[in-house]
Amino acid sequence: MDDRLFRTAMGKFATGVTVITTKVGENVHGMTANAFMSVSLNPKLVLISIGEKANMNQLIKESGKFAVSVLNEGQQDLSAYFAGQIKEERDVGFDTFNEMPVIKDALVNLTCNVHESVIAGDHTLYIGEVTDLRVTDGEALGFFEGKYRKVV
């Protein structure tokens, strides 16, 4: 099978959209990711997958912490910005939650300490122990077949 066919097959799995953030010194960094899942209830663990060549990979290694913001249906522009699809510089105006930068008005904000990391192919899987979370009402931003979708 070729890479394109594999990507097409994986695109058939509908996901939500998150922005992963971390802070190194006073610098805040973020990236869009749909590779996010819960792992364990006790302890509370989640998993994110970050490309080995992504700048965020080294930053999470350095900080030992990350936050996940699950985007609402009105935050498609933030997803595009943190995916590098919007090139102009923007003042995002992060919220601070549990001393970590998060996306304001996201459906979920959670903060994590890196519990474990595993290199898997061309990505690093970060298992994070959730240190705090908050949840708000709203509809999720969905992603399916390479396009944003409304979750119904």
Protein backbone atom coordinates (compact mmCIF):
# COMPACT_ATOMS: atom_id res chain seq x y z
CA MET A 1 0.00 0.00 0.00
CA ASP A 2 1.21 3.50 -0.70
CA ASP A 3 1.29 6.49 1.67
CA ARG A 4 -1.63 8.25 -0.07
CA LEU A 5 -3.93 5.24 0.32
CA PHE A 6 -3.02 4.96 4.00
CA ARG A 7 -3.76 8.67 4.57
CA THR A 8 -7.09 8.32 2.76
CA ALA A 9 -8.04 5.34 4.92
CA MET A 10 -7.12 7.17 8.14
CA GLY A 11 -9.13 10.19 6.98
CA LYS A 12 -12.26 8.02 7.07
CA PHE A 13 -12.06 8.11 10.87
CA ALA A 14 -13.94 11.22 12.03
CA THR A 15 -12.24 13.07 14.88
CA GLY A 16 -12.53 16.18 16.95
CA VAL A 17 -9.91 18.89 16.67
CA THR A 18 -7.53 19.98 19.41
CA VAL A 19 -4.81 22.55 19.87
CA ILE A 20 -1.85 21.28 21.88
CA THR A 21 0.03 23.99 23.77
CA THR A 22 3.10 24.21 25.92
CA LYS A 23 5.22 26.94 27.46
CA VAL A 24 9.01 27.13 27.56
CA GLY A 25 10.22 30.09 29.57
CA GLU A 26 7.84 32.91 28.63
CA ASN A 27 7.26 31.58 25.10
CA VAL A 28 3.93 29.90 24.31
CA HIS A 29 3.73 27.40 21.45
CA GLY A 30 0.74 25.67 19.92
CA MET A 31 -0.15 23.22 17.18
CA THR A 32 -3.34 21.67 15.83
CA ALA A 33 -3.73 17.93 16.31
CA ASN A 34 -6.50 15.41 15.86
CA ALA A 35 -4.34 12.56 17.18
CA PHE A 36 -5.65 12.69 20.74
CA MET A 37 -7.34 10.05 22.88
CA SER A 38 -8.05 9.04 26.44
CA VAL A 39 -5.96 6.15 27.78
CA SER A 40 -6.85 5.49 31.40
CA LEU A 41 -9.31 6.57 34.07
CA ASN A 42 -7.07 5.63 37.02
CA PRO A 43 -4.71 7.35 36.77
CA LYS A 44 -6.25 9.85 34.36
CA LEU A 45 -4.09 9.58 31.23
CA VAL A 46 -4.43 10.92 27.69
CA LEU A 47 -2.30 10.44 24.59
CA ILE A 48 -1.17 12.85 21.88
CA SER A 49 0.91 12.05 18.82
CA ILE A 50 3.48 14.59 17.61
CA GLY A 51 5.60 14.28 14.46
CA GLU A 52 9.28 13.73 15.13
CA LYS A 53 10.19 16.74 12.96
CA ALA A 54 7.61 19.07 14.53
CA ASN A 55 8.99 21.93 16.62
CA MET A 56 6.43 21.04 19.30
CA ASN A 57 8.12 17.68 19.87
CA GLN A 58 11.29 19.23 21.27
CA LEU A 59 9.32 21.84 23.22
CA ILE A 60 7.24 19.22 25.06
CA LYS A 61 10.41 17.26 25.82
CA GLU A 62 11.92 20.42 27.29
CA SER A 63 8.89 21.58 29.29
CA GLY A 64 7.64 18.17 30.44
CA LYS A 65 4.08 19.55 30.26
CA PHE A 66 1.39 20.18 27.72
CA ALA A 67 -2.21 21.32 27.54
CA VAL A 68 -4.99 20.16 25.24
CA SER A 69 -7.88 22.38 24.13
CA VAL A 70 -10.77 20.62 22.39
CA LEU A 71 -12.10 23.17 19.89
CA ASN A 72 -15.74 24.15 19.48
CA GLU A 73 -17.48 24.42 16.11
CA GLY A 74 -16.76 28.17 15.92
CA GLN A 75 -12.97 27.81 16.30
CA GLN A 76 -12.05 26.54 12.82
CA ASP A 77 -9.88 29.62 12.24
CA LEU A 78 -7.79 28.77 15.32
CA SER A 79 -7.36 25.21 14.07
CA ALA A 80 -6.20 26.51 10.66
CA TYR A 81 -3.84 29.01 12.31
CA PHE A 82 -2.14 26.45 14.54
CA ALA A 83 -1.95 24.00 11.62
CA GLY A 84 0.12 26.59 9.71
CA GLN A 85 -2.61 27.16 7.10
CA ILE A 86 -2.88 30.86 8.03
CA LYS A 87 0.51 32.50 7.67
CA GLU A 88 -0.04 35.99 9.10
CA GLU A 89 0.91 36.48 12.72
CA ARG A 90 -2.06 36.71 15.11
CA ASP A 91 -2.49 37.66 18.72
CA VAL A 92 -4.33 34.58 19.95
CA GLY A 93 -4.88 35.82 23.49
CA PHE A 94 -4.38 32.55 25.31
CA ASP A 95 -6.17 31.90 28.55
CA THR A 96 -4.11 30.60 31.48
CA PHE A 97 -5.35 27.48 33.20
CA ASN A 98 -3.36 25.63 35.85
CA GLU A 99 -0.38 27.81 34.87
CA MET A 100 -0.55 26.59 31.24
CA PRO A 101 -1.65 28.41 28.07
CA VAL A 102 -4.96 27.15 26.66
CA ILE A 103 -7.44 28.24 24.00
CA LYS A 104 -10.21 30.48 25.36
CA ASP A 105 -13.78 29.19 25.02
CA ALA A 106 -12.69 25.68 24.00
CA LEU A 107 -15.06 22.85 24.92
CA VAL A 108 -12.40 21.27 27.11
CA ASN A 109 -9.10 22.52 28.49
CA LEU A 110 -6.88 20.03 30.23
CA THR A 111 -3.34 20.23 31.51
CA CYS A 112 -0.90 17.34 31.70
CA ASN A 113 2.51 16.36 32.94
CA VAL A 114 4.34 14.02 30.60
CA HIS A 115 3.91 10.58 32.13
CA GLU A 116 5.72 8.67 29.39
CA SER A 117 6.85 9.09 25.81
CA VAL A 118 7.37 6.48 23.13
CA ILE A 119 8.87 6.93 19.68
CA ALA A 120 6.62 5.15 17.18
CA GLY A 121 7.70 5.42 13.56
CA ASP A 122 7.91 9.07 12.58
CA HIS A 123 5.99 10.32 15.65
CA THR A 124 6.43 10.53 19.40
CA LEU A 125 3.48 9.41 21.49
CA TYR A 126 3.17 11.44 24.66
CA ILE A 127 1.11 9.96 27.45
CA GLY A 128 0.10 12.77 29.76
CA GLU A 129 -1.19 12.52 33.30
CA VAL A 130 -4.06 14.99 33.58
CA THR A 131 -3.42 17.52 36.33
CA ASP A 132 -6.60 19.56 35.87
CA LEU A 133 -9.49 20.01 33.46
CA ARG A 134 -12.52 22.14 32.77
CA VAL A 135 -15.48 21.50 30.50
CA THR A 136 -17.96 23.90 28.86
CA ASP A 137 -21.09 23.32 26.83
CA GLY A 138 -21.16 23.58 23.07
CA GLU A 139 -20.73 21.68 19.83
CA ALA A 140 -17.40 20.18 18.74
CA LEU A 141 -15.41 21.06 15.64
CA GLY A 142 -15.14 17.87 13.60
CA PHE A 143 -12.68 16.69 10.97
CA PHE A 144 -13.38 14.02 8.33
CA GLU A 145 -11.77 13.25 4.96
CA GLY A 146 -9.46 16.25 5.24
CA LYS A 147 -12.27 18.75 5.83
CA TYR A 148 -13.83 20.45 8.83
CA ARG A 149 -17.31 19.14 9.58
CA LYS A 150 -20.12 19.95 11.92
CA VAL A 151 -20.63 17.12 14.39
CA VAL A 152 -24.26 15.95 14.35
